[in-house]
PDB file of N, CA and C in Angstrom:
ATOM      1  N   MET A   1     -67.815-104.493  96.448  1.00  0.00           N
ATOM      2  CA  MET A   1     -66.569-104.330  95.740  1.00  0.00           C
ATOM      3  C   MET A   1     -65.677-105.523  96.078  1.00  0.00           C
ATOM      4  N   THR A   2     -65.167-106.133  95.045  1.00  0.00           N
ATOM      5  CA  THR A   2     -64.304-107.292  95.262  1.00  0.00           C
ATOM      6  C   THR A   2     -62.877-106.824  95.557  1.00  0.00           C
ATOM      7  N   LEU A   3     -62.076-107.763  95.992  1.00  0.00           N
ATOM      8  CA  LEU A   3     -60.693-107.452  96.331  1.00  0.00           C
ATOM      9  C   LEU A   3     -59.909-106.995  95.102  1.00  0.00           C
ATOM     10  N   ILE A   4     -60.133-107.621  93.975  1.00  0.00           N
ATOM     11  CA  ILE A   4     -59.397-107.242  92.755  1.00  0.00           C
ATOM     12  C   ILE A   4     -59.785-105.837  92.308  1.00  0.00           C
ATOM     13  N   SER A   5     -61.067-105.498  92.349  1.00  0.00           N
ATOM     14  CA  SER A   5     -61.466-104.149  91.945  1.00  0.00           C
ATOM     15  C   SER A   5     -60.937-103.110  92.935  1.00  0.00           C
ATOM     16  N   PHE A   6     -60.852-103.454  94.205  1.00  0.00           N
ATOM     17  CA  PHE A   6     -60.287-102.554  95.198  1.00  0.00           C
ATOM     18  C   PHE A   6     -58.799-102.310  94.928  1.00  0.00           C
ATOM     19  N   ILE A   7     -58.065-103.341  94.543  1.00  0.00           N
ATOM     20  CA  ILE A   7     -56.641-103.206  94.222  1.00  0.00           C
ATOM     21  C   ILE A   7     -56.455-102.356  92.971  1.00  0.00           C
ATOM     22  N   ILE A   8     -57.335-102.516  91.980  1.00  0.00           N
ATOM     23  CA  ILE A   8     -57.265-101.702  90.757  1.00  0.00           C
ATOM     24  C   ILE A   8     -57.515-100.233  91.082  1.00  0.00           C
ATOM     25  N   VAL A   9     -58.521 -99.967  91.924  1.00  0.00           N
ATOM     26  CA  VAL A   9     -58.815 -98.592  92.322  1.00  0.00           C
ATOM     27  C   VAL A   9     -57.625 -98.002  93.081  1.00  0.00           C
ATOM     28  N   LEU A  10     -57.022 -98.766  93.979  1.00  0.00           N
ATOM     29  CA  LEU A  10     -55.841 -98.289  94.694  1.00  0.00           C
ATOM     30  C   LEU A  10     -54.682 -97.990  93.744  1.00  0.00           C
ATOM     31  N   ALA A  11     -54.492 -98.818  92.729  1.00  0.00           N
ATOM     32  CA  ALA A  11     -53.415 -98.599  91.765  1.00  0.00           C
ATOM     33  C   ALA A  11     -53.649 -97.311  90.977  1.00  0.00           C
ATOM     34  N   VAL A  12     -54.882 -97.082  90.543  1.00  0.00           N
ATOM     35  CA  VAL A  12     -55.194 -95.862  89.795  1.00  0.00           C
ATOM     36  C   VAL A  12     -54.996 -94.634  90.674  1.00  0.00           C
ATOM     37  N   VAL A  13     -55.474 -94.694  91.911  1.00  0.00           N
ATOM     38  CA  VAL A  13     -55.291 -93.575  92.842  1.00  0.00           C
ATOM     39  C   VAL A  13     -53.801 -93.364  93.114  1.00  0.00           C
ATOM     40  N   GLY A  14     -53.054 -94.429  93.246  1.00  0.00           N
ATOM     41  CA  GLY A  14     -51.615 -94.320  93.483  1.00  0.00           C
ATOM     42  C   GLY A  14     -50.888 -93.641  92.333  1.00  0.00           C
ATOM     43  N   VAL A  15     -51.284 -93.949  91.094  1.00  0.00           N
ATOM     44  CA  VAL A  15     -50.664 -93.308  89.935  1.00  0.00           C
ATOM     45  C   VAL A  15     -50.949 -91.810  89.948  1.00  0.00           C
ATOM     46  N   PHE A  16     -52.188 -91.419  90.263  1.00  0.00           N
ATOM     47  CA  PHE A  16     -52.517 -89.995  90.307  1.00  0.00           C
ATOM     48  C   PHE A  16     -51.806 -89.276  91.452  1.00  0.00           C
ATOM     49  N   VAL A  17     -51.648 -89.918  92.569  1.00  0.00           N
ATOM     50  CA  VAL A  17     -50.904 -89.312  93.679  1.00  0.00           C
ATOM     51  C   VAL A  17     -49.438 -89.146  93.293  1.00  0.00           C
ATOM     52  N   TYR A  18     -48.867 -90.138  92.641  1.00  0.00           N
ATOM     53  CA  TYR A  18     -47.478 -90.058  92.195  1.00  0.00           C
ATOM     54  C   TYR A  18     -47.288 -88.930  91.187  1.00  0.00           C
ATOM     55  N   MET A  19     -48.230 -88.789  90.254  1.00  0.00           N
ATOM     56  CA  MET A  19     -48.153 -87.697  89.283  1.00  0.00           C
ATOM     57  C   MET A  19     -48.274 -86.345  89.985  1.00  0.00           C
ATOM     58  N   GLY A  20     -49.133 -86.258  90.986  1.00  0.00           N
ATOM     59  CA  GLY A  20     -49.265 -85.019  91.751  1.00  0.00           C
ATOM     60  C   GLY A  20     -47.987 -84.663  92.477  1.00  0.00           C
ATOM     61  N   MET A  21     -47.278 -85.679  92.966  1.00  0.00           N
ATOM     62  CA  MET A  21     -46.011 -85.436  93.653  1.00  0.00           C
ATOM     63  C   MET A  21     -44.960 -84.878  92.691  1.00  0.00           C
ATOM     64  N   LYS A  22     -45.077 -85.165  91.411  1.00  0.00           N
ATOM     65  CA  LYS A  22     -44.147 -84.627  90.416  1.00  0.00           C
ATOM     66  C   LYS A  22     -44.578 -83.244  89.932  1.00  0.00           C
ATOM     67  N   LEU A  23     -45.892 -82.997  89.851  1.00  0.00           N
ATOM     68  CA  LEU A  23     -46.388 -81.747  89.280  1.00  0.00           C
ATOM     69  C   LEU A  23     -46.480 -80.601  90.285  1.00  0.00           C
ATOM     70  N   ILE A  24     -46.816 -80.881  91.523  1.00  0.00           N
ATOM     71  CA  ILE A  24     -47.022 -79.822  92.515  1.00  0.00           C
ATOM     72  C   ILE A  24     -45.758 -78.986  92.741  1.00  0.00           C
ATOM     73  N   PRO A  25     -44.558 -79.577  92.860  1.00  0.00           N
ATOM     74  CA  PRO A  25     -43.365 -78.732  93.015  1.00  0.00           C
ATOM     75  C   PRO A  25     -43.095 -77.826  91.807  1.00  0.00           C
ATOM     76  N   MET A  26     -43.442 -78.294  90.599  1.00  0.00           N
ATOM     77  CA  MET A  26     -43.258 -77.464  89.414  1.00  0.00           C
ATOM     78  C   MET A  26     -44.137 -76.217  89.492  1.00  0.00           C
ATOM     79  N   TYR A  27     -45.378 -76.401  89.888  1.00  0.00           N
ATOM     80  CA  TYR A  27     -46.297 -75.272  89.963  1.00  0.00           C
ATOM     81  C   TYR A  27     -46.012 -74.374  91.166  1.00  0.00           C
ATOM     82  N   SER A  28     -45.555 -74.938  92.262  1.00  0.00           N
ATOM     83  CA  SER A  28     -45.209 -74.081  93.403  1.00  0.00           C
ATOM     84  C   SER A  28     -44.003 -73.208  93.067  1.00  0.00           C
ATOM     85  N   GLU A  29     -43.068 -73.729  92.273  1.00  0.00           N
ATOM     86  CA  GLU A  29     -41.943 -72.916  91.830  1.00  0.00           C
ATOM     87  C   GLU A  29     -42.422 -71.800  90.897  1.00  0.00           C
ATOM     88  N   TYR A  30     -43.381 -72.106  90.023  1.00  0.00           N
ATOM     89  CA  TYR A  30     -43.928 -71.088  89.128  1.00  0.00           C
ATOM     90  C   TYR A  30     -44.586 -69.961  89.921  1.00  0.00           C
ATOM     91  N   TYR A  31     -45.335 -70.309  90.955  1.00  0.00           N
ATOM     92  CA  TYR A  31     -45.967 -69.272  91.769  1.00  0.00           C
ATOM     93  C   TYR A  31     -44.932 -68.494  92.581  1.00  0.00           C
ATOM     94  N   ALA A  32     -43.815 -69.110  92.926  1.00  0.00           N
ATOM     95  CA  ALA A  32     -42.722 -68.381  93.590  1.00  0.00           C
ATOM     96  C   ALA A  32     -42.092 -67.385  92.626  1.00  0.00           C
ATOM     97  N   VAL A  33     -41.979 -67.750  91.355  1.00  0.00           N
ATOM     98  CA  VAL A  33     -41.456 -66.831  90.343  1.00  0.00           C
ATOM     99  C   VAL A  33     -42.396 -65.641  90.183  1.00  0.00           C
ATOM    100  N   LYS A  34     -43.698 -65.919  90.099  1.00  0.00           N
ATOM    101  CA  LYS A  34     -44.669 -64.829  89.963  1.00  0.00           C
ATOM    102  C   LYS A  34     -44.653 -63.915  91.187  1.00  0.00           C
ATOM    103  N   ARG A  35     -44.529 -64.506  92.364  1.00  0.00           N
ATOM    104  CA  ARG A  35     -44.477 -63.714  93.594  1.00  0.00           C
ATOM    105  C   ARG A  35     -43.213 -62.858  93.631  1.00  0.00           C
ATOM    106  N   ALA A  36     -42.086 -63.416  93.200  1.00  0.00           N
ATOM    107  CA  ALA A  36     -40.829 -62.654  93.179  1.00  0.00           C
ATOM    108  C   ALA A  36     -40.927 -61.483  92.201  1.00  0.00           C
ATOM    109  N   LEU A  37     -41.544 -61.691  91.048  1.00  0.00           N
ATOM    110  CA  LEU A  37     -41.725 -60.603  90.089  1.00  0.00           C
ATOM    111  C   LEU A  37     -42.617 -59.516  90.667  1.00  0.00           C
ATOM    112  N   SER A  38     -43.687 -59.930  91.307  1.00  0.00           N
ATOM    113  CA  SER A  38     -44.618 -58.968  91.886  1.00  0.00           C
ATOM    114  C   SER A  38     -43.967 -58.167  93.010  1.00  0.00           C
ATOM    115  N   GLU A  39     -43.239 -58.839  93.884  1.00  0.00           N
ATOM    116  CA  GLU A  39     -42.558 -58.156  94.983  1.00  0.00           C
ATOM    117  C   GLU A  39     -41.480 -57.212  94.461  1.00  0.00           C
ATOM    118  N   LEU A  40     -40.812 -57.635  93.399  1.00  0.00           N
ATOM    119  CA  LEU A  40     -39.751 -56.810  92.834  1.00  0.00           C
ATOM    120  C   LEU A  40     -40.314 -55.528  92.224  1.00  0.00           C
ATOM    121  N   SER A  41     -41.510 -55.598  91.663  1.00  0.00           N
ATOM    122  CA  SER A  41     -42.095 -54.412  91.040  1.00  0.00           C
ATOM    123  C   SER A  41     -42.521 -53.376  92.073  1.00  0.00           C
ATOM    124  N   THR A  42     -42.706 -53.786  93.308  1.00  0.00           N
ATOM    125  CA  THR A  42     -43.088 -52.832  94.359  1.00  0.00           C
ATOM    126  C   THR A  42     -41.937 -52.489  95.295  1.00  0.00           C
ATOM    127  N   ASP A  43     -40.769 -53.053  95.047  1.00  0.00           N
ATOM    128  CA  ASP A  43     -39.605 -52.818  95.903  1.00  0.00           C
ATOM    129  C   ASP A  43     -38.982 -51.463  95.581  1.00  0.00           C
ATOM    130  N   PRO A  44     -38.905 -50.552  96.552  1.00  0.00           N
ATOM    131  CA  PRO A  44     -38.305 -49.245  96.283  1.00  0.00           C
ATOM    132  C   PRO A  44     -36.819 -49.327  95.928  1.00  0.00           C
ATOM    133  N   ALA A  45     -36.121 -50.345  96.404  1.00  0.00           N
ATOM    134  CA  ALA A  45     -34.696 -50.487  96.097  1.00  0.00           C
ATOM    135  C   ALA A  45     -34.477 -50.825  94.623  1.00  0.00           C
ATOM    136  N   ALA A  46     -35.462 -51.458  93.997  1.00  0.00           N
ATOM    137  CA  ALA A  46     -35.328 -51.856  92.598  1.00  0.00           C
ATOM    138  C   ALA A  46     -35.951 -50.855  91.643  1.00  0.00           C
ATOM    139  N   ALA A  47     -36.629 -49.856  92.165  1.00  0.00           N
ATOM    140  CA  ALA A  47     -37.386 -48.931  91.319  1.00  0.00           C
ATOM    141  C   ALA A  47     -36.500 -48.204  90.310  1.00  0.00           C
ATOM    142  N   ASN A  48     -35.373 -47.727  90.711  1.00  0.00           N
ATOM    143  CA  ASN A  48     -34.485 -46.984  89.813  1.00  0.00           C
ATOM    144  C   ASN A  48     -33.149 -47.686  89.618  1.00  0.00           C
ATOM    145  N   ALA A  49     -33.129 -48.985  89.863  1.00  0.00           N
ATOM    146  CA  ALA A  49     -31.881 -49.749  89.762  1.00  0.00           C
ATOM    147  C   ALA A  49     -31.569 -50.117  88.309  1.00  0.00           C
ATOM    148  N   GLU A  50     -30.341 -50.459  88.082  1.00  0.00           N
ATOM    149  CA  GLU A  50     -29.897 -50.927  86.774  1.00  0.00           C
ATOM    150  C   GLU A  50     -30.334 -52.380  86.587  1.00  0.00           C
ATOM    151  N   PRO A  51     -30.385 -52.860  85.337  1.00  0.00           N
ATOM    152  CA  PRO A  51     -30.812 -54.241  85.085  1.00  0.00           C
ATOM    153  C   PRO A  51     -30.005 -55.305  85.830  1.00  0.00           C
ATOM    154  N   ALA A  52     -28.711 -55.107  86.001  1.00  0.00           N
ATOM    155  CA  ALA A  52     -27.893 -56.094  86.725  1.00  0.00           C
ATOM    156  C   ALA A  52     -28.332 -56.191  88.181  1.00  0.00           C
ATOM    157  N   LYS A  53     -28.644 -55.066  88.788  1.00  0.00           N
ATOM    158  CA  LYS A  53     -29.109 -55.056  90.180  1.00  0.00           C
ATOM    159  C   LYS A  53     -30.499 -55.680  90.283  1.00  0.00           C
ATOM    160  N   ILE A  54     -31.360 -55.402  89.311  1.00  0.00           N
ATOM    161  CA  ILE A  54     -32.705 -55.991  89.293  1.00  0.00           C
ATOM    162  C   ILE A  54     -32.609 -57.510  89.177  1.00  0.00           C
ATOM    163  N   ARG A  55     -31.723 -57.974  88.295  1.00  0.00           N
ATOM    164  CA  ARG A  55     -31.520 -59.420  88.122  1.00  0.00           C
ATOM    165  C   ARG A  55     -31.044 -60.053  89.426  1.00  0.00           C
ATOM    166  N   ASP A  56     -30.122 -59.398  90.108  1.00  0.00           N
ATOM    167  CA  ASP A  56     -29.602 -59.897  91.379  1.00  0.00           C
ATOM    168  C   ASP A  56     -30.703 -59.962  92.438  1.00  0.00           C
ATOM    169  N   LEU A  57     -31.517 -58.925  92.530  1.00  0.00           N
ATOM    170  CA  LEU A  57     -32.611 -58.916  93.510  1.00  0.00           C
ATOM    171  C   LEU A  57     -33.637 -60.007  93.209  1.00  0.00           C
ATOM    172  N   PHE A  58     -33.916 -60.233  91.933  1.00  0.00           N
ATOM    173  CA  PHE A  58     -34.871 -61.283  91.540  1.00  0.00           C
ATOM    174  C   PHE A  58     -34.366 -62.660  91.950  1.00  0.00           C
ATOM    175  N   PHE A  59     -33.106 -62.954  91.653  1.00  0.00           N
ATOM    176  CA  PHE A  59     -32.578 -64.282  91.973  1.00  0.00           C
ATOM    177  C   PHE A  59     -32.346 -64.470  93.471  1.00  0.00           C
ATOM    178  N   ARG A  60     -32.167 -63.401  94.209  1.00  0.00           N
ATOM    179  CA  ARG A  60     -32.117 -63.534  95.668  1.00  0.00           C
ATOM    180  C   ARG A  60     -33.473 -63.977  96.203  1.00  0.00           C
ATOM    181  N   ARG A  61     -34.532 -63.425  95.641  1.00  0.00           N
ATOM    182  CA  ARG A  61     -35.876 -63.831  96.073  1.00  0.00           C
ATOM    183  C   ARG A  61     -36.147 -65.297  95.709  1.00  0.00           C
ATOM    184  N   LEU A  62     -35.684 -65.720  94.554  1.00  0.00           N
ATOM    185  CA  LEU A  62     -35.876 -67.122  94.158  1.00  0.00           C
ATOM    186  C   LEU A  62     -35.031 -68.058  95.005  1.00  0.00           C
ATOM    187  N   TYR A  63     -33.857 -67.610  95.414  1.00  0.00           N
ATOM    188  CA  TYR A  63     -32.998 -68.438  96.258  1.00  0.00           C
ATOM    189  C   TYR A  63     -33.683 -68.757  97.578  1.00  0.00           C
ATOM    190  N   VAL A  64     -34.399 -67.790  98.118  1.00  0.00           N
ATOM    191  CA  VAL A  64     -35.129 -67.991  99.374  1.00  0.00           C
ATOM    192  C   VAL A  64     -36.248 -69.009  99.180  1.00  0.00           C
ATOM    193  N   SER A  65     -36.834 -69.050  97.975  1.00  0.00           N
ATOM    194  CA  SER A  65     -37.943 -69.965  97.683  1.00  0.00           C
ATOM    195  C   SER A  65     -37.475 -71.333  97.208  1.00  0.00           C
ATOM    196  N   TYR A  66     -36.173 -71.583  97.173  1.00  0.00           N
ATOM    197  CA  TYR A  66     -35.596 -72.845  96.714  1.00  0.00           C
ATOM    198  C   TYR A  66     -35.995 -73.161  95.273  1.00  0.00           C
ATOM    199  N   SER A  67     -35.990 -72.166  94.432  1.00  0.00           N
ATOM    200  CA  SER A  67     -36.308 -72.356  93.018  1.00  0.00           C
ATOM    201  C   SER A  67     -35.019 -72.622  92.262  1.00  0.00           C
ATOM    202  N   ASP A  68     -34.875 -73.837  91.767  1.00  0.00           N
ATOM    203  CA  ASP A  68     -33.629 -74.249  91.124  1.00  0.00           C
ATOM    204  C   ASP A  68     -33.698 -74.269  89.601  1.00  0.00           C
ATOM    205  N   ASN A  69     -34.893 -74.255  89.022  1.00  0.00           N
ATOM    206  CA  ASN A  69     -35.027 -74.460  87.584  1.00  0.00           C
ATOM    207  C   ASN A  69     -34.926 -73.191  86.758  1.00  0.00           C
ATOM    208  N   VAL A  70     -35.022 -72.033  87.371  1.00  0.00           N
ATOM    209  CA  VAL A  70     -34.922 -70.774  86.644  1.00  0.00           C
ATOM    210  C   VAL A  70     -33.448 -70.373  86.606  1.00  0.00           C
ATOM    211  N   LYS A  71     -32.936 -70.229  85.402  1.00  0.00           N
ATOM    212  CA  LYS A  71     -31.528 -69.867  85.197  1.00  0.00           C
ATOM    213  C   LYS A  71     -31.423 -68.397  84.816  1.00  0.00           C
ATOM    214  N   LYS A  72     -30.213 -67.877  84.858  1.00  0.00           N
ATOM    215  CA  LYS A  72     -29.971 -66.460  84.551  1.00  0.00           C
ATOM    216  C   LYS A  72     -30.435 -66.095  83.146  1.00  0.00           C
ATOM    217  N   GLU A  73     -30.261 -67.003  82.199  1.00  0.00           N
ATOM    218  CA  GLU A  73     -30.652 -66.699  80.819  1.00  0.00           C
ATOM    219  C   GLU A  73     -32.168 -66.751  80.603  1.00  0.00           C
ATOM    220  N   ASP A  74     -32.924 -67.247  81.578  1.00  0.00           N
ATOM    221  CA  ASP A  74     -34.382 -67.310  81.461  1.00  0.00           C
ATOM    222  C   ASP A  74     -35.057 -65.978  81.787  1.00  0.00           C
ATOM    223  N   LEU A  75     -34.355 -65.074  82.433  1.00  0.00           N
ATOM    224  CA  LEU A  75     -34.907 -63.768  82.796  1.00  0.00           C
ATOM    225  C   LEU A  75     -34.501 -62.739  81.745  1.00  0.00           C
ATOM    226  N   LYS A  76     -35.493 -62.108  81.137  1.00  0.00           N
ATOM    227  CA  LYS A  76     -35.257 -61.046  80.158  1.00  0.00           C
ATOM    228  C   LYS A  76     -35.746 -59.732  80.749  1.00  0.00           C
ATOM    229  N   ILE A  77     -34.927 -58.706  80.647  1.00  0.00           N
ATOM    230  CA  ILE A  77     -35.285 -57.381  81.133  1.00  0.00           C
ATOM    231  C   ILE A  77     -35.263 -56.441  79.933  1.00  0.00           C
ATOM    232  N   GLU A  78     -36.438 -55.910  79.590  1.00  0.00           N
ATOM    233  CA  GLU A  78     -36.561 -54.995  78.459  1.00  0.00           C
ATOM    234  C   GLU A  78     -36.880 -53.599  78.968  1.00  0.00           C
ATOM    235  N   ARG A  79     -36.206 -52.627  78.423  1.00  0.00           N
ATOM    236  CA  ARG A  79     -36.454 -51.241  78.814  1.00  0.00           C
ATOM    237  C   ARG A  79     -37.685 -50.746  78.063  1.00  0.00           C
ATOM    238  N   ARG A  80     -38.589 -50.162  78.811  1.00  0.00           N
ATOM    239  CA  ARG A  80     -39.762 -49.500  78.244  1.00  0.00           C
ATOM    240  C   ARG A  80     -39.734 -48.050  78.668  1.00  0.00           C
ATOM    241  N   ASP A  81     -40.587 -47.237  78.103  1.00  0.00           N
ATOM    242  CA  ASP A  81     -40.534 -45.807  78.379  1.00  0.00           C
ATOM    243  C   ASP A  81     -40.730 -45.467  79.851  1.00  0.00           C
ATOM    244  N   ALA A  82     -41.538 -46.227  80.578  1.00  0.00           N
ATOM    245  CA  ALA A  82     -41.806 -45.910  81.984  1.00  0.00           C
ATOM    246  C   ALA A  82     -41.011 -46.791  82.943  1.00  0.00           C
ATOM    247  N   GLY A  83     -40.118 -47.592  82.439  1.00  0.00           N
ATOM    248  CA  GLY A  83     -39.364 -48.471  83.326  1.00  0.00           C
ATOM    249  C   GLY A  83     -38.874 -49.703  82.590  1.00  0.00           C
ATOM    250  N   TYR A  84     -39.135 -50.877  83.170  1.00  0.00           N
ATOM    251  CA  TYR A  84     -38.696 -52.141  82.598  1.00  0.00           C
ATOM    252  C   TYR A  84     -39.857 -53.125  82.559  1.00  0.00           C
ATOM    253  N   VAL A  85     -39.758 -54.085  81.653  1.00  0.00           N
ATOM    254  CA  VAL A  85     -40.649 -55.238  81.643  1.00  0.00           C
ATOM    255  C   VAL A  85     -39.773 -56.454  81.889  1.00  0.00           C
ATOM    256  N   LEU A  86     -40.066 -57.158  82.972  1.00  0.00           N
ATOM    257  CA  LEU A  86     -39.326 -58.367  83.316  1.00  0.00           C
ATOM    258  C   LEU A  86     -40.145 -59.566  82.854  1.00  0.00           C
ATOM    259  N   SER A  87     -39.528 -60.458  82.123  1.00  0.00           N
ATOM    260  CA  SER A  87     -40.233 -61.664  81.683  1.00  0.00           C
ATOM    261  C   SER A  87     -39.351 -62.885  81.941  1.00  0.00           C
ATOM    262  N   VAL A  88     -39.994 -63.909  82.425  1.00  0.00           N
ATOM    263  CA  VAL A  88     -39.321 -65.172  82.737  1.00  0.00           C
ATOM    264  C   VAL A  88     -39.971 -66.255  81.904  1.00  0.00           C
ATOM    265  N   ASP A  89     -39.169 -66.986  81.156  1.00  0.00           N
ATOM    266  CA  ASP A  89     -39.655 -68.061  80.300  1.00  0.00           C
ATOM    267  C   ASP A  89     -38.726 -69.255  80.516  1.00  0.00           C
ATOM    268  N   TYR A  90     -39.250 -70.303  81.131  1.00  0.00           N
ATOM    269  CA  TYR A  90     -38.389 -71.452  81.432  1.00  0.00           C
ATOM    270  C   TYR A  90     -39.170 -72.752  81.305  1.00  0.00           C
ATOM    271  N   GLU A  91     -38.428 -73.841  81.279  1.00  0.00           N
ATOM    272  CA  GLU A  91     -39.009 -75.170  81.107  1.00  0.00           C
ATOM    273  C   GLU A  91     -38.479 -76.091  82.196  1.00  0.00           C
ATOM    274  N   VAL A  92     -39.371 -76.932  82.720  1.00  0.00           N
ATOM    275  CA  VAL A  92     -39.000 -77.898  83.749  1.00  0.00           C
ATOM    276  C   VAL A  92     -39.312 -79.293  83.214  1.00  0.00           C
ATOM    277  N   ARG A  93     -38.357 -80.196  83.319  1.00  0.00           N
ATOM    278  CA  ARG A  93     -38.547 -81.573  82.872  1.00  0.00           C
ATOM    279  C   ARG A  93     -38.277 -82.502  84.045  1.00  0.00           C
ATOM    280  N   LYS A  94     -39.277 -83.314  84.389  1.00  0.00           N
ATOM    281  CA  LYS A  94     -39.144 -84.286  85.479  1.00  0.00           C
ATOM    282  C   LYS A  94     -39.442 -85.681  84.937  1.00  0.00           C
ATOM    283  N   GLN A  95     -38.659 -86.633  85.369  1.00  0.00           N
ATOM    284  CA  GLN A  95     -38.907 -88.014  84.966  1.00  0.00           C
ATOM    285  C   GLN A  95     -40.140 -88.521  85.690  1.00  0.00           C
ATOM    286  N   LEU A  96     -41.066 -89.118  84.946  1.00  0.00           N
ATOM    287  CA  LEU A  96     -42.293 -89.629  85.543  1.00  0.00           C
ATOM    288  C   LEU A  96     -42.151 -91.116  85.843  1.00  0.00           C
ATOM    289  N   ILE A  97     -42.211 -91.938  84.822  1.00  0.00           N
ATOM    290  CA  ILE A  97     -42.089 -93.387  84.983  1.00  0.00           C
ATOM    291  C   ILE A  97     -41.239 -93.915  83.832  1.00  0.00           C
ATOM    292  N   GLY A  98     -40.171 -94.579  84.151  1.00  0.00           N
ATOM    293  CA  GLY A  98     -39.313 -95.148  83.112  1.00  0.00           C
ATOM    294  C   GLY A  98     -38.742 -94.069  82.217  1.00  0.00           C
ATOM    295  N   ASN A  99     -39.063 -94.156  80.906  1.00  0.00           N
ATOM    296  CA  ASN A  99     -38.560 -93.156  79.977  1.00  0.00           C
ATOM    297  C   ASN A  99     -39.606 -92.089  79.644  1.00  0.00           C
ATOM    298  N   LEU A 100     -40.660 -91.990  80.434  1.00  0.00           N
ATOM    299  CA  LEU A 100     -41.683 -90.951  80.260  1.00  0.00           C
ATOM    300  C   LEU A 100     -41.358 -89.753  81.149  1.00  0.00           C
ATOM    301  N   ASP A 101     -41.391 -88.583  80.550  1.00  0.00           N
ATOM    302  CA  ASP A 101     -41.108 -87.346  81.272  1.00  0.00           C
ATOM    303  C   ASP A 101     -42.342 -86.454  81.288  1.00  0.00           C
ATOM    304  N   VAL A 102     -42.406 -85.621  82.305  1.00  0.00           N
ATOM    305  CA  VAL A 102     -43.403 -84.557  82.378  1.00  0.00           C
ATOM    306  C   VAL A 102     -42.650 -83.265  82.097  1.00  0.00           C
ATOM    307  N   VAL A 103     -43.138 -82.490  81.143  1.00  0.00           N
ATOM    308  CA  VAL A 103     -42.490 -81.236  80.783  1.00  0.00           C
ATOM    309  C   VAL A 103     -43.464 -80.099  81.063  1.00  0.00           C
ATOM    310  N   GLY A 104     -42.995 -79.136  81.829  1.00  0.00           N
ATOM    311  CA  GLY A 104     -43.794 -77.952  82.104  1.00  0.00           C
ATOM    312  C   GLY A 104     -43.091 -76.736  81.534  1.00  0.00           C
ATOM    313  N   ARG A 105     -43.824 -75.948  80.762  1.00  0.00           N
ATOM    314  CA  ARG A 105     -43.269 -74.715  80.191  1.00  0.00           C
ATOM    315  C   ARG A 105     -43.992 -73.551  80.833  1.00  0.00           C
ATOM    316  N   PHE A 106     -43.250 -72.666  81.475  1.00  0.00           N
ATOM    317  CA  PHE A 106     -43.840 -71.594  82.266  1.00  0.00           C
ATOM    318  C   PHE A 106     -43.363 -70.236  81.772  1.00  0.00           C
ATOM    319  N   GLU A 107     -44.285 -69.288  81.748  1.00  0.00           N
ATOM    320  CA  GLU A 107     -43.984 -67.913  81.361  1.00  0.00           C
ATOM    321  C   GLU A 107     -44.646 -66.975  82.358  1.00  0.00           C
ATOM    322  N   ALA A 108     -43.944 -65.923  82.725  1.00  0.00           N
ATOM    323  CA  ALA A 108     -44.502 -64.886  83.593  1.00  0.00           C
ATOM    324  C   ALA A 108     -43.820 -63.575  83.241  1.00  0.00           C
ATOM    325  N   SER A 109     -44.574 -62.492  83.364  1.00  0.00           N
ATOM    326  CA  SER A 109     -43.977 -61.182  83.111  1.00  0.00           C
ATOM    327  C   SER A 109     -44.602 -60.158  84.048  1.00  0.00           C
ATOM    328  N   GLN A 110     -43.857 -59.090  84.258  1.00  0.00           N
ATOM    329  CA  GLN A 110     -44.296 -58.027  85.167  1.00  0.00           C
ATOM    330  C   GLN A 110     -43.695 -56.713  84.690  1.00  0.00           C
ATOM    331  N   GLU A 111     -44.512 -55.687  84.653  1.00  0.00           N
ATOM    332  CA  GLU A 111     -44.003 -54.362  84.322  1.00  0.00           C
ATOM    333  C   GLU A 111     -43.523 -53.704  85.594  1.00  0.00           C
ATOM    334  N   MET A 112     -42.376 -53.064  85.495  1.00  0.00           N
ATOM    335  CA  MET A 112     -41.792 -52.385  86.641  1.00  0.00           C
ATOM    336  C   MET A 112     -41.558 -50.937  86.256  1.00  0.00           C
ATOM    337  N   ARG A 113     -42.276 -50.044  86.905  1.00  0.00           N
ATOM    338  CA  ARG A 113     -42.147 -48.616  86.597  1.00  0.00           C
ATOM    339  C   ARG A 113     -41.108 -47.969  87.488  1.00  0.00           C
ATOM    340  N   ARG A 114     -40.552 -46.891  87.007  1.00  0.00           N
ATOM    341  CA  ARG A 114     -39.629 -46.125  87.840  1.00  0.00           C
ATOM    342  C   ARG A 114     -40.393 -45.536  88.998  1.00  0.00           C
ATOM    343  N   GLY A 115     -39.801 -45.594  90.157  1.00  0.00           N
ATOM    344  CA  GLY A 115     -40.478 -45.109  91.351  1.00  0.00           C
ATOM    345  C   GLY A 115     -41.225 -46.193  92.082  1.00  0.00           C
ATOM    346  N   GLY A 116     -41.223 -47.447  91.550  1.00  0.00           N
ATOM    347  CA  GLY A 116     -41.818 -48.582  92.236  1.00  0.00           C
ATOM    348  C   GLY A 116     -43.295 -48.778  92.017  1.00  0.00           C
ATOM    349  N   GLY A 117     -43.931 -48.029  91.123  1.00  0.00           N
ATOM    350  CA  GLY A 117     -45.369 -48.179  90.924  1.00  0.00           C
ATOM    351  C   GLY A 117     -45.713 -49.349  90.040  1.00  0.00           C
ATOM    352  N   LEU A 118     -46.906 -49.875  90.221  1.00  0.00           N
ATOM    353  CA  LEU A 118     -47.396 -50.962  89.379  1.00  0.00           C
ATOM    354  C   LEU A 118     -48.134 -50.402  88.187  1.00  0.00           C
ATOM    355  N   ASP A 119     -48.276 -51.211  87.162  1.00  0.00           N
ATOM    356  CA  ASP A 119     -49.066 -50.838  85.991  1.00  0.00           C
ATOM    357  C   ASP A 119     -50.538 -51.071  86.255  1.00  0.00           C
TER     358      ASP A 119
END
């Protein structure tokens, strides 16, 4: 392997590492959202709570996970016959290089039954 080909390989690897540094936090936040939804569905304090209290408990869990991209309007709480369905739909935009952006669109939902049971 010549020096020039080694430098080219390093440049390509560097670009992929840089892209990973931008993408990994987006996905770790998504998994924190999914974990918060899952924990909330098994929380006895949220089992018979009103939607405002459920919203507060959800965002407290996200605050602990340092999730900054999920806003209050991204969480939808729908009443169903056995409880609520919580759905989170949000978008994350990170600058990649120059005027190129990486956009991640994430959706997660969880059914929450009265009494704290899972579906």
